[in-house]
Amino acid sequence: MFPTRLLRSSTVNASEIAHFSRLSAEWWNERGEFSFLHKMNPVRMQFIREKLIETAYDEQPEEAVDAKKVRILEGLDVLDVGCGGGLLSESLARLGAWTTGIDASESNVAIAQHHASLDSRVNSNLTYKHAPAESLLSQSKRYDVVCSMEVLEHVDNPVMFLKTCAELLKPSGHLFLSTISRTPLSYFLTIFMAEKVFREVADGTHTYSKYIKPSELLEFFQSYRSQLPSSVNGDGAQGQSRPWITRLYNGEPTRKEAEVRGMIYNPLSASWILAPRGAWGAAECNYLFWVRKPILDDIL
């Protein structure tokens, strides 16, 4: 299961927040500290769009879904947890999503707000809040999509963080994550090479022991059940959903419940590639993860 060295009651790590706050001015410098994230952002958006279009095909008549529809996110309520300077948030908003970006770093939020103010295309449907994810649980607002990209490997108490993201979703909502697997290859590439040798990333940005393997995420959602309102049962008792992932086939979930896709950096083209489904070894370093919250009908 997940690394258990840190079991605090909050997901926020003060030293991690301080680290990224010091770097906040670099967020929109495409050749600076966050250059890898700028190059990664189109791949993240590609994965999000592909999964939303795929699920739309599953649920609607084929002729009702336009596979080339750019604005598949239009009108959806989307939460970007750990939004940083707003790279993903702005992309989501430009495709029509009602986007809320939250971050535990006040300076990150200030940079994100300033940059968004320069683009009239996102003025009406993009807002930012300086807040940890768990602070939103007491509010009634829930989201069609929750994204948290390159955040999981920086939080304390990953179990609490995942539960928080899960419960901020509406029934049948989509959770998108991207993070780094805990493997010798990931240590070599993201810490030894990126931080120590080439210094493309600030030293101390990553902590190897906090990396999460895809199999650990799958295991978590195989056992995780959402708490449902008592009104859903009708008998006053609070029910539970089915497990978010009901079964695995050769270690892989069904495509309607969850999916793992590797992201591979090509140094020759200085770009990221979204690996095909099931590509051997593709998720040994950076990877994307999608899982869907069960609908209200799936009650035990």
Protein backbone atom coordinates (compact mmCIF):
# COMPACT_ATOMS: atom_id res chain seq x y z
CA MET A 1 0.00 0.00 0.00
CA PHE A 2 1.06 3.65 0.17
CA PRO A 3 4.14 4.82 2.07
CA THR A 4 3.06 5.27 5.70
CA ARG A 5 5.87 7.40 7.06
CA LEU A 6 3.59 10.43 7.18
CA LEU A 7 0.16 10.03 8.78
CA ARG A 8 -0.79 13.57 9.72
CA SER A 9 -4.37 14.80 9.96
CA SER A 10 -3.75 17.27 7.13
CA THR A 11 -2.55 16.58 3.60
CA VAL A 12 -0.51 19.79 3.48
CA ASN A 13 3.25 19.59 4.00
CA ALA A 14 4.56 22.98 5.11
CA SER A 15 8.06 22.46 3.70
CA GLU A 16 6.66 21.43 0.31
CA ILE A 17 4.45 24.53 0.22
CA ALA A 18 7.38 26.74 1.17
CA HIS A 19 9.49 25.15 -1.58
CA PHE A 20 6.94 25.81 -4.32
CA SER A 21 6.09 29.25 -2.95
CA ARG A 22 9.72 30.27 -3.43
CA LEU A 23 9.46 29.16 -7.05
CA SER A 24 6.04 30.73 -7.73
CA ALA A 25 7.37 33.52 -9.94
CA GLU A 26 8.67 30.86 -12.36
CA TRP A 27 5.31 29.27 -13.16
CA TRP A 28 4.76 30.95 -16.51
CA ASN A 29 8.39 30.89 -17.66
CA GLU A 30 8.25 28.15 -20.29
CA ARG A 31 12.03 27.70 -20.19
CA GLY A 32 12.38 27.89 -16.43
CA GLU A 33 11.82 25.66 -13.42
CA PHE A 34 8.46 24.38 -14.68
CA SER A 35 9.41 23.84 -18.33
CA PHE A 36 8.69 20.11 -18.05
CA LEU A 37 5.15 20.84 -16.85
CA HIS A 38 4.54 23.27 -19.72
CA LYS A 39 5.54 20.52 -22.15
CA MET A 40 3.49 17.95 -20.24
CA ASN A 41 0.28 20.00 -20.13
CA PRO A 42 -0.93 19.16 -23.68
CA VAL A 43 -0.58 15.44 -22.91
CA ARG A 44 -2.54 15.81 -19.68
CA MET A 45 -5.31 17.64 -21.55
CA GLN A 46 -5.26 15.01 -24.30
CA PHE A 47 -5.85 12.26 -21.73
CA ILE A 48 -8.67 14.17 -20.02
CA ARG A 49 -10.45 14.86 -23.30
CA GLU A 50 -10.01 11.30 -24.58
CA LYS A 51 -11.53 9.77 -21.44
CA LEU A 52 -14.49 12.17 -21.38
CA ILE A 53 -15.20 11.51 -25.06
CA GLU A 54 -14.84 7.76 -24.52
CA THR A 55 -17.32 7.72 -21.65
CA ALA A 56 -19.70 9.90 -23.67
CA TYR A 57 -19.62 7.26 -26.44
CA ASP A 58 -20.40 4.58 -23.85
CA GLU A 59 -23.43 6.43 -22.51
CA GLN A 60 -24.94 8.09 -25.58
CA PRO A 61 -25.86 7.01 -29.10
CA GLU A 62 -22.81 7.16 -31.35
CA GLU A 63 -24.35 9.79 -33.60
CA ALA A 64 -24.89 12.07 -30.57
CA VAL A 65 -21.18 12.35 -29.81
CA ASP A 66 -18.80 14.34 -31.96
CA ALA A 67 -15.34 12.81 -31.47
CA LYS A 68 -13.79 16.01 -32.77
CA LYS A 69 -15.76 18.16 -30.35
CA VAL A 70 -13.16 20.46 -28.86
CA ARG A 71 -15.38 21.65 -26.04
CA ILE A 72 -16.27 18.30 -24.48
CA LEU A 73 -15.65 20.00 -21.11
CA GLU A 74 -18.09 22.83 -21.77
CA GLY A 75 -20.45 23.44 -18.86
CA LEU A 76 -18.80 20.91 -16.51
CA ASP A 77 -17.85 21.89 -12.97
CA VAL A 78 -14.13 21.12 -12.65
CA LEU A 79 -11.83 21.35 -9.63
CA ASP A 80 -8.06 21.57 -10.07
CA VAL A 81 -6.45 20.56 -6.75
CA GLY A 82 -2.93 21.89 -6.29
CA CYS A 83 -3.31 24.19 -9.28
CA GLY A 84 0.07 25.90 -8.85
CA GLY A 85 0.32 28.81 -11.25
CA GLY A 86 -2.73 27.69 -13.20
CA LEU A 87 -1.27 25.82 -16.19
CA LEU A 88 -3.97 23.16 -16.22
CA SER A 89 -6.74 25.39 -14.85
CA GLU A 90 -6.46 27.85 -17.73
CA SER A 91 -6.49 25.04 -20.30
CA LEU A 92 -9.64 23.57 -18.75
CA ALA A 93 -11.36 26.96 -18.65
CA ARG A 94 -10.51 27.71 -22.29
CA LEU A 95 -12.38 24.53 -23.25
CA GLY A 96 -15.49 25.79 -21.52
CA ALA A 97 -15.31 24.16 -18.08
CA TRP A 98 -16.44 26.10 -15.01
CA THR A 99 -13.05 25.76 -13.36
CA THR A 100 -11.98 26.28 -9.76
CA GLY A 101 -8.28 26.08 -8.98
CA ILE A 102 -7.14 25.66 -5.38
CA ASP A 103 -3.67 25.62 -3.89
CA ALA A 104 -2.22 25.63 -0.39
CA SER A 105 0.39 28.22 -1.47
CA GLU A 106 -0.91 31.77 -1.36
CA SER A 107 1.83 33.00 -3.71
CA ASN A 108 0.95 30.33 -6.28
CA VAL A 109 -2.68 31.46 -6.24
CA ALA A 110 -1.63 35.11 -6.62
CA ILE A 111 0.45 34.25 -9.72
CA ALA A 112 -2.41 32.18 -11.16
CA GLN A 113 -4.93 34.97 -10.63
CA HIS A 114 -2.66 37.56 -12.19
CA HIS A 115 -1.97 35.46 -15.28
CA ALA A 116 -5.65 34.62 -15.76
CA SER A 117 -6.55 38.31 -15.57
CA LEU A 118 -4.52 38.86 -18.75
CA ASP A 119 -6.73 36.50 -20.79
CA SER A 120 -10.30 37.60 -21.46
CA ARG A 121 -11.22 34.05 -22.55
CA VAL A 122 -11.12 32.78 -18.96
CA ASN A 123 -12.39 35.78 -17.02
CA SER A 124 -15.93 34.48 -16.55
CA ASN A 125 -15.41 30.77 -15.83
CA LEU A 126 -12.13 30.50 -13.88
CA THR A 127 -11.72 31.22 -10.19
CA TYR A 128 -8.92 30.53 -7.75
CA LYS A 129 -8.93 29.92 -4.00
CA HIS A 130 -6.11 29.73 -1.47
CA ALA A 131 -7.26 26.58 0.32
CA PRO A 132 -6.34 22.93 0.96
CA ALA A 133 -8.67 20.39 -0.60
CA GLU A 134 -10.04 19.11 2.71
CA SER A 135 -11.41 22.57 3.54
CA LEU A 136 -13.96 22.17 0.71
CA LEU A 137 -15.58 19.04 2.16
CA SER A 138 -17.80 21.05 4.50
CA GLN A 139 -19.28 22.90 1.53
CA SER A 140 -22.16 21.49 -0.52
CA LYS A 141 -20.47 22.09 -3.88
CA ARG A 142 -19.41 18.92 -5.73
CA TYR A 143 -17.72 18.58 -9.12
CA ASP A 144 -18.11 16.65 -12.37
CA VAL A 145 -14.34 16.39 -12.70
CA VAL A 146 -11.55 16.64 -10.12
CA CYS A 147 -7.96 16.90 -11.35
CA SER A 148 -4.78 16.81 -9.31
CA MET A 149 -1.67 16.79 -11.44
CA GLU A 150 1.84 16.30 -10.07
CA VAL A 151 0.53 16.83 -6.54
CA LEU A 152 0.09 13.38 -4.96
CA GLU A 153 3.86 12.86 -4.59
CA HIS A 154 4.10 16.07 -2.55
CA VAL A 155 1.30 15.62 0.00
CA ASP A 156 1.34 14.24 3.50
CA ASN A 157 -1.13 11.41 4.14
CA PRO A 158 -1.93 10.29 0.57
CA VAL A 159 -4.86 8.18 1.80
CA MET A 160 -6.60 11.23 3.24
CA PHE A 161 -5.80 13.23 0.12
CA LEU A 162 -7.32 10.63 -2.21
CA LYS A 163 -10.43 10.27 -0.05
CA THR A 164 -10.84 14.05 -0.09
CA CYS A 165 -10.54 14.27 -3.88
CA ALA A 166 -12.95 11.34 -4.24
CA GLU A 167 -15.63 12.84 -2.03
CA LEU A 168 -15.49 16.19 -3.82
CA LEU A 169 -16.89 14.45 -6.91
CA LYS A 170 -20.51 14.14 -7.90
CA PRO A 171 -21.79 10.57 -8.46
CA SER A 172 -20.35 9.25 -11.76
CA GLY A 173 -17.74 12.04 -11.66
CA HIS A 174 -14.23 11.66 -13.02
CA LEU A 175 -11.00 11.79 -11.00
CA PHE A 176 -7.79 12.49 -12.96
CA LEU A 177 -4.37 12.22 -11.34
CA SER A 178 -0.81 12.34 -12.58
CA THR A 179 2.15 11.41 -10.45
CA ILE A 180 5.40 9.42 -10.36
CA SER A 181 5.85 5.72 -9.69
CA ARG A 182 8.27 4.52 -7.01
CA THR A 183 10.80 2.60 -9.11
CA PRO A 184 14.58 2.67 -9.63
CA LEU A 185 13.97 4.23 -13.05
CA SER A 186 11.95 7.09 -11.59
CA TYR A 187 14.64 7.82 -9.01
CA PHE A 188 17.29 7.86 -11.71
CA LEU A 189 15.34 10.15 -14.04
CA THR A 190 13.48 12.53 -11.72
CA ILE A 191 15.98 12.93 -8.88
CA PHE A 192 19.47 11.88 -9.94
CA MET A 193 19.35 13.21 -13.51
CA ALA A 194 16.77 16.03 -13.32
CA GLU A 195 17.82 17.43 -9.93
CA LYS A 196 21.44 16.41 -9.37
CA VAL A 197 23.01 16.19 -12.83
CA PHE A 198 21.20 18.52 -15.23
CA ARG A 199 19.62 20.72 -12.52
CA GLU A 200 16.52 21.16 -14.65
CA VAL A 201 14.50 20.94 -11.44
CA ALA A 202 15.41 22.49 -8.09
CA ASP A 203 17.22 20.14 -5.73
CA GLY A 204 14.81 18.73 -3.16
CA THR A 205 11.70 19.06 -5.33
CA HIS A 206 11.00 15.32 -5.15
CA THR A 207 11.10 12.81 -2.30
CA TYR A 208 11.46 9.25 -3.58
CA SER A 209 9.72 7.65 -0.60
CA LYS A 210 6.54 9.63 -1.37
CA TYR A 211 6.20 8.34 -4.93
CA ILE A 212 3.10 6.18 -5.52
CA LYS A 213 3.00 3.10 -7.74
CA PRO A 214 0.02 2.60 -10.10
CA SER A 215 -0.68 -0.73 -8.41
CA GLU A 216 -1.09 1.10 -5.09
CA LEU A 217 -3.71 3.43 -6.57
CA LEU A 218 -5.55 0.48 -8.07
CA GLU A 219 -5.45 -1.34 -4.73
CA PHE A 220 -6.79 1.73 -2.92
CA PHE A 221 -9.77 2.14 -5.23
CA GLN A 222 -10.49 -1.59 -5.18
CA SER A 223 -11.33 -1.23 -1.50
CA TYR A 224 -12.60 2.35 -1.39
CA ARG A 225 -16.36 2.86 -1.11
CA SER A 226 -18.07 6.25 -1.11
CA GLN A 227 -20.33 7.17 1.78
CA LEU A 228 -23.77 7.97 0.42
CA PRO A 229 -26.43 10.27 1.91
CA SER A 230 -28.97 8.53 4.14
CA SER A 231 -31.75 9.90 1.92
CA VAL A 232 -30.52 7.68 -0.92
CA ASN A 233 -31.27 4.49 1.03
CA GLY A 234 -34.64 5.76 2.17
CA ASP A 235 -34.36 3.95 5.50
CA GLY A 236 -32.34 6.61 7.34
CA ALA A 237 -29.16 4.55 7.25
CA GLN A 238 -26.08 5.79 5.46
CA GLY A 239 -25.16 3.50 2.60
CA GLN A 240 -21.97 2.83 0.69
CA SER A 241 -21.24 2.61 -2.99
CA ARG A 242 -19.70 -0.45 -4.54
CA PRO A 243 -15.88 -0.35 -4.65
CA TRP A 244 -14.76 2.13 -7.27
CA ILE A 245 -12.83 -0.66 -9.00
CA THR A 246 -14.66 -3.99 -8.85
CA ARG A 247 -12.09 -6.27 -10.47
CA LEU A 248 -8.75 -6.46 -12.22
CA TYR A 249 -7.81 -8.58 -15.24
CA ASN A 250 -4.12 -9.45 -15.30
CA GLY A 251 -3.54 -6.48 -13.02
CA GLU A 252 -5.54 -4.07 -15.20
CA PRO A 253 -8.97 -2.53 -14.47
CA THR A 254 -11.84 -2.44 -16.96
CA ARG A 255 -11.67 0.68 -19.11
CA LYS A 256 -15.05 1.88 -17.78
CA GLU A 257 -13.82 1.98 -14.18
CA ALA A 258 -10.18 3.11 -14.25
CA GLU A 259 -7.15 3.46 -16.45
CA VAL A 260 -3.38 3.92 -16.10
CA ARG A 261 -1.40 5.51 -18.93
CA GLY A 262 2.31 6.20 -18.94
CA MET A 263 3.85 9.50 -20.02
CA ILE A 264 7.25 9.28 -21.67
CA TYR A 265 9.61 12.19 -22.24
CA ASN A 266 11.41 12.23 -25.58
CA PRO A 267 14.62 14.29 -25.16
CA LEU A 268 15.18 14.42 -28.93
CA SER A 269 11.94 16.30 -29.55
CA ALA A 270 11.81 17.81 -26.04
CA SER A 271 8.21 16.66 -25.72
CA TRP A 272 6.03 14.26 -23.75
CA ILE A 273 4.21 11.31 -25.30
CA LEU A 274 1.05 9.64 -24.02
CA ALA A 275 1.85 5.94 -24.15
CA PRO A 276 -0.69 3.49 -25.62
CA ARG A 277 -2.88 1.48 -23.27
CA GLY A 278 -1.01 -1.45 -21.79
CA ALA A 279 2.38 -0.39 -23.16
CA TRP A 280 4.99 -2.44 -21.28
CA GLY A 281 7.04 -0.39 -18.79
CA ALA A 282 5.44 2.92 -19.82
CA ALA A 283 4.20 3.69 -16.29
CA GLU A 284 7.52 3.04 -14.56
CA CYS A 285 8.10 6.77 -14.10
CA ASN A 286 5.48 9.45 -14.91
CA TYR A 287 1.92 8.27 -15.42
CA LEU A 288 -1.70 9.42 -15.58
CA PHE A 289 -4.51 7.77 -13.65
CA TRP A 290 -8.28 8.00 -14.18
CA VAL A 291 -11.03 6.49 -12.06
CA ARG A 292 -14.78 7.07 -12.02
CA LYS A 293 -17.02 7.46 -9.01
CA PRO A 294 -19.90 4.96 -8.95
CA ILE A 295 -23.38 6.23 -9.72
CA LEU A 296 -26.01 6.45 -6.99
CA ASP A 297 -27.62 3.20 -8.14
CA ASP A 298 -24.52 1.25 -7.11
CA ILE A 299 -25.38 1.01 -3.41
CA LEU A 300 -24.72 -1.84 -1.05
